PDB file of all heavy atoms in Angstrom:
ATOM      1  N   ARG A   1      -8.629  15.907   4.767  1.00  0.00           N
ATOM      2  CA  ARG A   1      -7.745  15.129   5.530  1.00  0.00           C
ATOM      3  C   ARG A   1      -6.916  14.193   4.616  1.00  0.00           C
ATOM      4  O   ARG A   1      -7.379  13.656   3.645  1.00  0.00           O
ATOM      5  CB  ARG A   1      -8.574  14.276   6.542  1.00  0.00           C
ATOM      6  CG  ARG A   1      -9.350  15.127   7.461  1.00  0.00           C
ATOM      7  CD  ARG A   1      -8.501  15.932   8.386  1.00  0.00           C
ATOM      8  NE  ARG A   1      -7.731  15.035   9.300  1.00  0.00           N
ATOM      9  CZ  ARG A   1      -6.609  15.405   9.872  1.00  0.00           C
ATOM     10  NH1 ARG A   1      -6.121  16.616   9.678  1.00  0.00           N
ATOM     11  NH2 ARG A   1      -5.952  14.547  10.715  1.00  0.00           N
ATOM     12  N   PRO A   2      -5.689  13.866   5.010  1.00  0.00           N
ATOM     13  CA  PRO A   2      -4.828  12.926   4.251  1.00  0.00           C
ATOM     14  C   PRO A   2      -5.463  11.574   4.094  1.00  0.00           C
ATOM     15  O   PRO A   2      -5.985  11.083   5.063  1.00  0.00           O
ATOM     16  CB  PRO A   2      -3.516  12.890   5.010  1.00  0.00           C
ATOM     17  CG  PRO A   2      -3.570  14.134   5.856  1.00  0.00           C
ATOM     18  CD  PRO A   2      -4.935  14.429   6.157  1.00  0.00           C
ATOM     19  N   PHE A   3      -5.382  11.031   2.965  1.00  0.00           N
ATOM     20  CA  PHE A   3      -5.831   9.617   2.772  1.00  0.00           C
ATOM     21  C   PHE A   3      -4.855   8.641   3.439  1.00  0.00           C
ATOM     22  O   PHE A   3      -3.628   8.868   3.451  1.00  0.00           O
ATOM     23  CB  PHE A   3      -5.776   9.267   1.205  1.00  0.00           C
ATOM     24  CG  PHE A   3      -6.082   7.898   0.898  1.00  0.00           C
ATOM     25  CD1 PHE A   3      -7.362   7.368   1.096  1.00  0.00           C
ATOM     26  CD2 PHE A   3      -5.115   7.040   0.387  1.00  0.00           C
ATOM     27  CE1 PHE A   3      -7.605   5.967   0.754  1.00  0.00           C
ATOM     28  CE2 PHE A   3      -5.303   5.692  -0.020  1.00  0.00           C
ATOM     29  CZ  PHE A   3      -6.612   5.161   0.230  1.00  0.00           C
ATOM     30  N   ILE A   4      -5.411   7.642   4.067  1.00  0.00           N
ATOM     31  CA  ILE A   4      -4.597   6.652   4.776  1.00  0.00           C
ATOM     32  C   ILE A   4      -4.941   5.313   4.278  1.00  0.00           C
ATOM     33  O   ILE A   4      -6.142   4.867   4.281  1.00  0.00           O
ATOM     34  CB  ILE A   4      -4.752   6.661   6.329  1.00  0.00           C
ATOM     35  CG1 ILE A   4      -4.274   7.995   6.899  1.00  0.00           C
ATOM     36  CG2 ILE A   4      -4.154   5.481   6.982  1.00  0.00           C
ATOM     37  CD1 ILE A   4      -2.828   8.156   6.929  1.00  0.00           C
ATOM     38  N   THR A   5      -4.005   4.479   3.877  1.00  0.00           N
ATOM     39  CA  THR A   5      -4.184   3.014   3.640  1.00  0.00           C
ATOM     40  C   THR A   5      -3.132   2.284   4.482  1.00  0.00           C
ATOM     41  O   THR A   5      -1.938   2.778   4.515  1.00  0.00           O
ATOM     42  CB  THR A   5      -4.150   2.582   2.182  1.00  0.00           C
ATOM     43  OG1 THR A   5      -4.742   1.301   2.052  1.00  0.00           O
ATOM     44  CG2 THR A   5      -2.758   2.631   1.545  1.00  0.00           C
ATOM     45  N   GLN A   6      -3.541   1.196   5.121  1.00  0.00           N
ATOM     46  CA  GLN A   6      -2.693   0.613   6.138  1.00  0.00           C
ATOM     47  C   GLN A   6      -2.387  -0.900   5.725  1.00  0.00           C
ATOM     48  O   GLN A   6      -3.278  -1.643   5.486  1.00  0.00           O
ATOM     49  CB  GLN A   6      -3.350   0.634   7.488  1.00  0.00           C
ATOM     50  CG  GLN A   6      -3.725   2.046   7.893  1.00  0.00           C
ATOM     51  CD  GLN A   6      -4.810   2.081   8.964  1.00  0.00           C
ATOM     52  OE1 GLN A   6      -4.434   2.340  10.138  1.00  0.00           O
ATOM     53  NE2 GLN A   6      -6.013   1.885   8.684  1.00  0.00           N
ATOM     54  N   GLU A   7      -1.072  -1.242   5.738  1.00  0.00           N
ATOM     55  CA  GLU A   7      -0.701  -2.648   5.356  1.00  0.00           C
ATOM     56  C   GLU A   7      -1.002  -3.482   6.595  1.00  0.00           C
ATOM     57  O   GLU A   7      -0.285  -3.465   7.578  1.00  0.00           O
ATOM     58  CB  GLU A   7       0.771  -2.675   4.983  1.00  0.00           C
ATOM     59  CG  GLU A   7       1.154  -4.090   4.580  1.00  0.00           C
ATOM     60  CD  GLU A   7       2.571  -4.428   4.738  1.00  0.00           C
ATOM     61  OE1 GLU A   7       3.257  -3.752   5.637  1.00  0.00           O
ATOM     62  OE2 GLU A   7       3.057  -5.326   4.079  1.00  0.00           O
ATOM     63  N   VAL A   8      -1.943  -4.347   6.428  1.00  0.00           N
ATOM     64  CA  VAL A   8      -2.383  -5.299   7.414  1.00  0.00           C
ATOM     65  C   VAL A   8      -2.575  -6.701   6.627  1.00  0.00           C
ATOM     66  O   VAL A   8      -3.509  -6.835   5.946  1.00  0.00           O
ATOM     67  CB  VAL A   8      -3.635  -5.022   8.209  1.00  0.00           C
ATOM     68  CG1 VAL A   8      -3.930  -6.138   9.229  1.00  0.00           C
ATOM     69  CG2 VAL A   8      -3.560  -3.662   8.903  1.00  0.00           C
ATOM     70  N   ILE A   9      -1.578  -7.533   6.809  1.00  0.00           N
ATOM     71  CA  ILE A   9      -1.684  -8.809   6.116  1.00  0.00           C
ATOM     72  C   ILE A   9      -2.552  -9.713   6.950  1.00  0.00           C
ATOM     73  O   ILE A   9      -2.288 -10.055   8.126  1.00  0.00           O
ATOM     74  CB  ILE A   9      -0.301  -9.524   6.014  1.00  0.00           C
ATOM     75  CG1 ILE A   9       0.648  -8.589   5.203  1.00  0.00           C
ATOM     76  CG2 ILE A   9      -0.378 -10.841   5.416  1.00  0.00           C
ATOM     77  CD1 ILE A   9       2.082  -9.067   5.119  1.00  0.00           C
ATOM     78  N   ASP A  10      -3.801 -10.037   6.327  1.00  0.00           N
ATOM     79  CA  ASP A  10      -4.746 -10.849   7.075  1.00  0.00           C
ATOM     80  C   ASP A  10      -5.521 -11.746   6.051  1.00  0.00           C
ATOM     81  O   ASP A  10      -6.370 -11.285   5.319  1.00  0.00           O
ATOM     82  CB  ASP A  10      -5.719  -9.833   7.736  1.00  0.00           C
ATOM     83  CG  ASP A  10      -6.914 -10.630   8.399  1.00  0.00           C
ATOM     84  OD1 ASP A  10      -6.740 -11.868   8.558  1.00  0.00           O
ATOM     85  OD2 ASP A  10      -7.825  -9.995   8.814  1.00  0.00           O
ATOM     86  N   LEU A  11      -5.099 -12.971   5.993  1.00  0.00           N
ATOM     87  CA  LEU A  11      -5.848 -13.939   5.168  1.00  0.00           C
ATOM     88  C   LEU A  11      -6.821 -14.784   6.033  1.00  0.00           C
ATOM     89  O   LEU A  11      -7.461 -15.688   5.531  1.00  0.00           O
ATOM     90  CB  LEU A  11      -4.820 -14.921   4.579  1.00  0.00           C
ATOM     91  CG  LEU A  11      -3.881 -14.290   3.506  1.00  0.00           C
ATOM     92  CD1 LEU A  11      -2.952 -15.380   2.971  1.00  0.00           C
ATOM     93  CD2 LEU A  11      -4.605 -13.577   2.365  1.00  0.00           C
ATOM     94  N   GLY A  12      -7.058 -14.327   7.275  1.00  0.00           N
ATOM     95  CA  GLY A  12      -7.942 -15.033   8.106  1.00  0.00           C
ATOM     96  C   GLY A  12      -7.208 -15.930   9.141  1.00  0.00           C
ATOM     97  O   GLY A  12      -6.170 -16.478   8.760  1.00  0.00           O
ATOM     98  N   GLY A  13      -7.697 -16.009  10.372  1.00  0.00           N
ATOM     99  CA  GLY A  13      -7.142 -16.977  11.258  1.00  0.00           C
ATOM    100  C   GLY A  13      -6.023 -16.477  12.109  1.00  0.00           C
ATOM    101  O   GLY A  13      -5.447 -17.203  12.942  1.00  0.00           O
ATOM    102  N   GLU A  14      -5.662 -15.160  11.883  1.00  0.00           N
ATOM    103  CA  GLU A  14      -4.523 -14.706  12.735  1.00  0.00           C
ATOM    104  C   GLU A  14      -5.102 -13.843  14.006  1.00  0.00           C
ATOM    105  O   GLU A  14      -6.233 -13.502  13.960  1.00  0.00           O
ATOM    106  CB  GLU A  14      -3.630 -13.753  11.897  1.00  0.00           C
ATOM    107  CG  GLU A  14      -2.772 -14.582  10.927  1.00  0.00           C
ATOM    108  CD  GLU A  14      -1.572 -13.733  10.349  1.00  0.00           C
ATOM    109  OE1 GLU A  14      -1.073 -12.898  11.113  1.00  0.00           O
ATOM    110  OE2 GLU A  14      -1.262 -13.960   9.228  1.00  0.00           O
ATOM    111  N   ALA A  15      -4.216 -13.665  14.950  1.00  0.00           N
ATOM    112  CA  ALA A  15      -4.641 -12.913  16.152  1.00  0.00           C
ATOM    113  C   ALA A  15      -4.971 -11.482  15.928  1.00  0.00           C
ATOM    114  O   ALA A  15      -5.816 -10.917  16.648  1.00  0.00           O
ATOM    115  CB  ALA A  15      -3.629 -13.095  17.281  1.00  0.00           C
ATOM    116  N   ILE A  16      -4.369 -10.897  14.888  1.00  0.00           N
ATOM    117  CA  ILE A  16      -4.617  -9.497  14.568  1.00  0.00           C
ATOM    118  C   ILE A  16      -5.267  -9.373  13.200  1.00  0.00           C
ATOM    119  O   ILE A  16      -4.795  -9.881  12.218  1.00  0.00           O
ATOM    120  CB  ILE A  16      -3.219  -8.610  14.565  1.00  0.00           C
ATOM    121  CG1 ILE A  16      -2.680  -8.688  15.971  1.00  0.00           C
ATOM    122  CG2 ILE A  16      -3.548  -7.253  14.132  1.00  0.00           C
ATOM    123  CD1 ILE A  16      -1.337  -8.023  16.055  1.00  0.00           C
ATOM    124  N   GLY A  17      -6.448  -8.726  13.153  1.00  0.00           N
ATOM    125  CA  GLY A  17      -7.225  -8.742  11.883  1.00  0.00           C
ATOM    126  C   GLY A  17      -7.284  -7.296  11.360  1.00  0.00           C
ATOM    127  O   GLY A  17      -7.082  -6.327  12.032  1.00  0.00           O
ATOM    128  N   LYS A  18      -7.607  -7.274  10.070  1.00  0.00           N
ATOM    129  CA  LYS A  18      -7.759  -5.991   9.357  1.00  0.00           C
ATOM    130  C   LYS A  18      -8.811  -5.139   9.933  1.00  0.00           C
ATOM    131  O   LYS A  18      -8.675  -3.855   9.897  1.00  0.00           O
ATOM    132  CB  LYS A  18      -8.074  -6.294   7.894  1.00  0.00           C
ATOM    133  CG  LYS A  18      -9.309  -7.103   7.596  1.00  0.00           C
ATOM    134  CD  LYS A  18      -9.356  -7.701   6.243  1.00  0.00           C
ATOM    135  CE  LYS A  18     -10.533  -8.677   6.064  1.00  0.00           C
ATOM    136  NZ  LYS A  18     -10.434  -9.383   4.798  1.00  0.00           N
ATOM    137  N   ASN A  19      -9.823  -5.698  10.452  1.00  0.00           N
ATOM    138  CA  ASN A  19     -10.995  -4.888  11.014  1.00  0.00           C
ATOM    139  C   ASN A  19     -10.628  -4.058  12.300  1.00  0.00           C
ATOM    140  O   ASN A  19     -11.329  -3.136  12.619  1.00  0.00           O
ATOM    141  CB  ASN A  19     -12.176  -5.781  11.342  1.00  0.00           C
ATOM    142  CG  ASN A  19     -12.800  -6.311  10.019  1.00  0.00           C
ATOM    143  OD1 ASN A  19     -13.270  -5.599   9.188  1.00  0.00           O
ATOM    144  ND2 ASN A  19     -12.870  -7.621   9.906  1.00  0.00           N
ATOM    145  N   GLU A  20      -9.537  -4.398  12.857  1.00  0.00           N
ATOM    146  CA  GLU A  20      -9.060  -3.588  13.995  1.00  0.00           C
ATOM    147  C   GLU A  20      -8.522  -2.225  13.676  1.00  0.00           C
ATOM    148  O   GLU A  20      -8.341  -1.321  14.455  1.00  0.00           O
ATOM    149  CB  GLU A  20      -7.976  -4.390  14.759  1.00  0.00           C
ATOM    150  CG  GLU A  20      -8.431  -5.710  15.335  1.00  0.00           C
ATOM    151  CD  GLU A  20      -7.283  -6.410  16.141  1.00  0.00           C
ATOM    152  OE1 GLU A  20      -6.685  -5.718  16.998  1.00  0.00           O
ATOM    153  OE2 GLU A  20      -7.029  -7.601  15.838  1.00  0.00           O
ATOM    154  N   TYR A  21      -8.289  -1.999  12.320  1.00  0.00           N
ATOM    155  CA  TYR A  21      -7.747  -0.771  11.910  1.00  0.00           C
ATOM    156  C   TYR A  21      -8.673   0.038  10.958  1.00  0.00           C
ATOM    157  O   TYR A  21      -8.247   1.129  10.460  1.00  0.00           O
ATOM    158  CB  TYR A  21      -6.413  -1.039  11.199  1.00  0.00           C
ATOM    159  CG  TYR A  21      -5.367  -1.621  12.085  1.00  0.00           C
ATOM    160  CD1 TYR A  21      -5.269  -2.957  12.243  1.00  0.00           C
ATOM    161  CD2 TYR A  21      -4.480  -0.778  12.837  1.00  0.00           C
ATOM    162  CE1 TYR A  21      -4.303  -3.506  13.106  1.00  0.00           C
ATOM    163  CE2 TYR A  21      -3.535  -1.337  13.715  1.00  0.00           C
ATOM    164  CZ  TYR A  21      -3.468  -2.690  13.858  1.00  0.00           C
ATOM    165  OH  TYR A  21      -2.486  -3.284  14.711  1.00  0.00           O
ATOM    166  N   THR A  22      -9.859  -0.469  10.642  1.00  0.00           N
ATOM    167  CA  THR A  22     -10.697   0.144   9.593  1.00  0.00           C
ATOM    168  C   THR A  22     -11.257   1.513  10.073  1.00  0.00           C
ATOM    169  O   THR A  22     -11.689   2.322   9.229  1.00  0.00           O
ATOM    170  CB  THR A  22     -11.823  -0.714   9.128  1.00  0.00           C
ATOM    171  OG1 THR A  22     -12.561  -1.244  10.223  1.00  0.00           O
ATOM    172  CG2 THR A  22     -11.235  -1.926   8.348  1.00  0.00           C
ATOM    173  N   HIS A  23     -11.333   1.756  11.368  1.00  0.00           N
ATOM    174  CA  HIS A  23     -11.813   3.039  11.830  1.00  0.00           C
ATOM    175  C   HIS A  23     -10.875   4.078  11.694  1.00  0.00           C
ATOM    176  O   HIS A  23     -11.154   5.336  11.723  1.00  0.00           O
ATOM    177  CB  HIS A  23     -12.205   2.915  13.350  1.00  0.00           C
ATOM    178  CG  HIS A  23     -10.960   2.649  14.279  1.00  0.00           C
ATOM    179  ND1 HIS A  23     -10.352   1.456  14.253  1.00  0.00           N
ATOM    180  CD2 HIS A  23     -10.416   3.423  15.242  1.00  0.00           C
ATOM    181  CE1 HIS A  23      -9.373   1.500  15.127  1.00  0.00           C
ATOM    182  NE2 HIS A  23      -9.413   2.643  15.730  1.00  0.00           N
ATOM    183  N   LEU A  24      -9.571   3.764  11.322  1.00  0.00           N
ATOM    184  CA  LEU A  24      -8.504   4.787  11.181  1.00  0.00           C
ATOM    185  C   LEU A  24      -8.264   5.115   9.730  1.00  0.00           C
ATOM    186  O   LEU A  24      -7.732   6.159   9.420  1.00  0.00           O
ATOM    187  CB  LEU A  24      -7.190   4.203  11.725  1.00  0.00           C
ATOM    188  CG  LEU A  24      -7.204   3.797  13.176  1.00  0.00           C
ATOM    189  CD1 LEU A  24      -5.928   3.130  13.615  1.00  0.00           C
ATOM    190  CD2 LEU A  24      -7.444   4.999  14.065  1.00  0.00           C
ATOM    191  N   GLY A  25      -8.677   4.217   8.730  1.00  0.00           N
ATOM    192  CA  GLY A  25      -8.448   4.477   7.348  1.00  0.00           C
ATOM    193  C   GLY A  25      -8.632   3.173   6.629  1.00  0.00           C
ATOM    194  O   GLY A  25      -9.071   2.164   7.135  1.00  0.00           O
ATOM    195  N   THR A  26      -8.385   3.221   5.326  1.00  0.00           N
ATOM    196  CA  THR A  26      -8.516   2.065   4.516  1.00  0.00           C
ATOM    197  C   THR A  26      -7.495   0.976   4.858  1.00  0.00           C
ATOM    198  O   THR A  26      -6.491   1.357   5.537  1.00  0.00           O
ATOM    199  CB  THR A  26      -8.496   2.349   2.988  1.00  0.00           C
ATOM    200  OG1 THR A  26      -7.230   2.776   2.642  1.00  0.00           O
ATOM    201  CG2 THR A  26      -9.484   3.438   2.658  1.00  0.00           C
ATOM    202  N   VAL A  27      -7.653  -0.240   4.414  1.00  0.00           N
ATOM    203  CA  VAL A  27      -6.652  -1.263   4.653  1.00  0.00           C
ATOM    204  C   VAL A  27      -6.399  -2.064   3.463  1.00  0.00           C
ATOM    205  O   VAL A  27      -7.281  -2.307   2.555  1.00  0.00           O
ATOM    206  CB  VAL A  27      -7.231  -2.235   5.835  1.00  0.00           C
ATOM    207  CG1 VAL A  27      -6.263  -3.418   5.990  1.00  0.00           C
ATOM    208  CG2 VAL A  27      -7.402  -1.491   7.156  1.00  0.00           C
ATOM    209  N   THR A  28      -5.127  -2.528   3.278  1.00  0.00           N
ATOM    210  CA  THR A  28      -4.725  -3.308   2.139  1.00  0.00           C
ATOM    211  C   THR A  28      -5.484  -4.688   2.243  1.00  0.00           C
ATOM    212  O   THR A  28      -5.316  -5.454   3.255  1.00  0.00           O
ATOM    213  CB  THR A  28      -3.265  -3.540   2.157  1.00  0.00           C
ATOM    214  OG1 THR A  28      -2.807  -4.014   3.364  1.00  0.00           O
ATOM    215  CG2 THR A  28      -2.525  -2.205   1.736  1.00  0.00           C
ATOM    216  N   GLU A  29      -6.183  -5.034   1.167  1.00  0.00           N
ATOM    217  CA  GLU A  29      -6.986  -6.329   1.210  1.00  0.00           C
ATOM    218  C   GLU A  29      -6.186  -7.464   0.585  1.00  0.00           C
ATOM    219  O   GLU A  29      -6.323  -7.695  -0.596  1.00  0.00           O
ATOM    220  CB  GLU A  29      -8.392  -6.083   0.528  1.00  0.00           C
ATOM    221  CG  GLU A  29      -9.353  -7.259   0.575  1.00  0.00           C
ATOM    222  CD  GLU A  29      -9.484  -7.891   1.903  1.00  0.00           C
ATOM    223  OE1 GLU A  29      -8.740  -8.787   2.230  1.00  0.00           O
ATOM    224  OE2 GLU A  29     -10.481  -7.456   2.673  1.00  0.00           O
ATOM    225  N   PHE A  30      -5.398  -8.131   1.359  1.00  0.00           N
ATOM    226  CA  PHE A  30      -4.576  -9.235   0.855  1.00  0.00           C
ATOM    227  C   PHE A  30      -5.390 -10.453   0.433  1.00  0.00           C
ATOM    228  O   PHE A  30      -4.872 -11.239  -0.462  1.00  0.00           O
ATOM    229  CB  PHE A  30      -3.543  -9.591   1.896  1.00  0.00           C
ATOM    230  CG  PHE A  30      -2.336  -8.715   1.903  1.00  0.00           C
ATOM    231  CD1 PHE A  30      -2.305  -7.528   2.651  1.00  0.00           C
ATOM    232  CD2 PHE A  30      -1.124  -9.102   1.222  1.00  0.00           C
ATOM    233  CE1 PHE A  30      -1.198  -6.750   2.671  1.00  0.00           C
ATOM    234  CE2 PHE A  30      -0.066  -8.246   1.138  1.00  0.00           C
ATOM    235  CZ  PHE A  30      -0.103  -7.108   1.883  1.00  0.00           C
TER     236      PHE A  30
END
């Protein structure tokens, strides 16, 4: 399967977090 990494800017405290997308692929750890 294709590798997926997803740009989610999350330094904490925002309404949308990186963990909402980790079931889909990796996430950019800002």
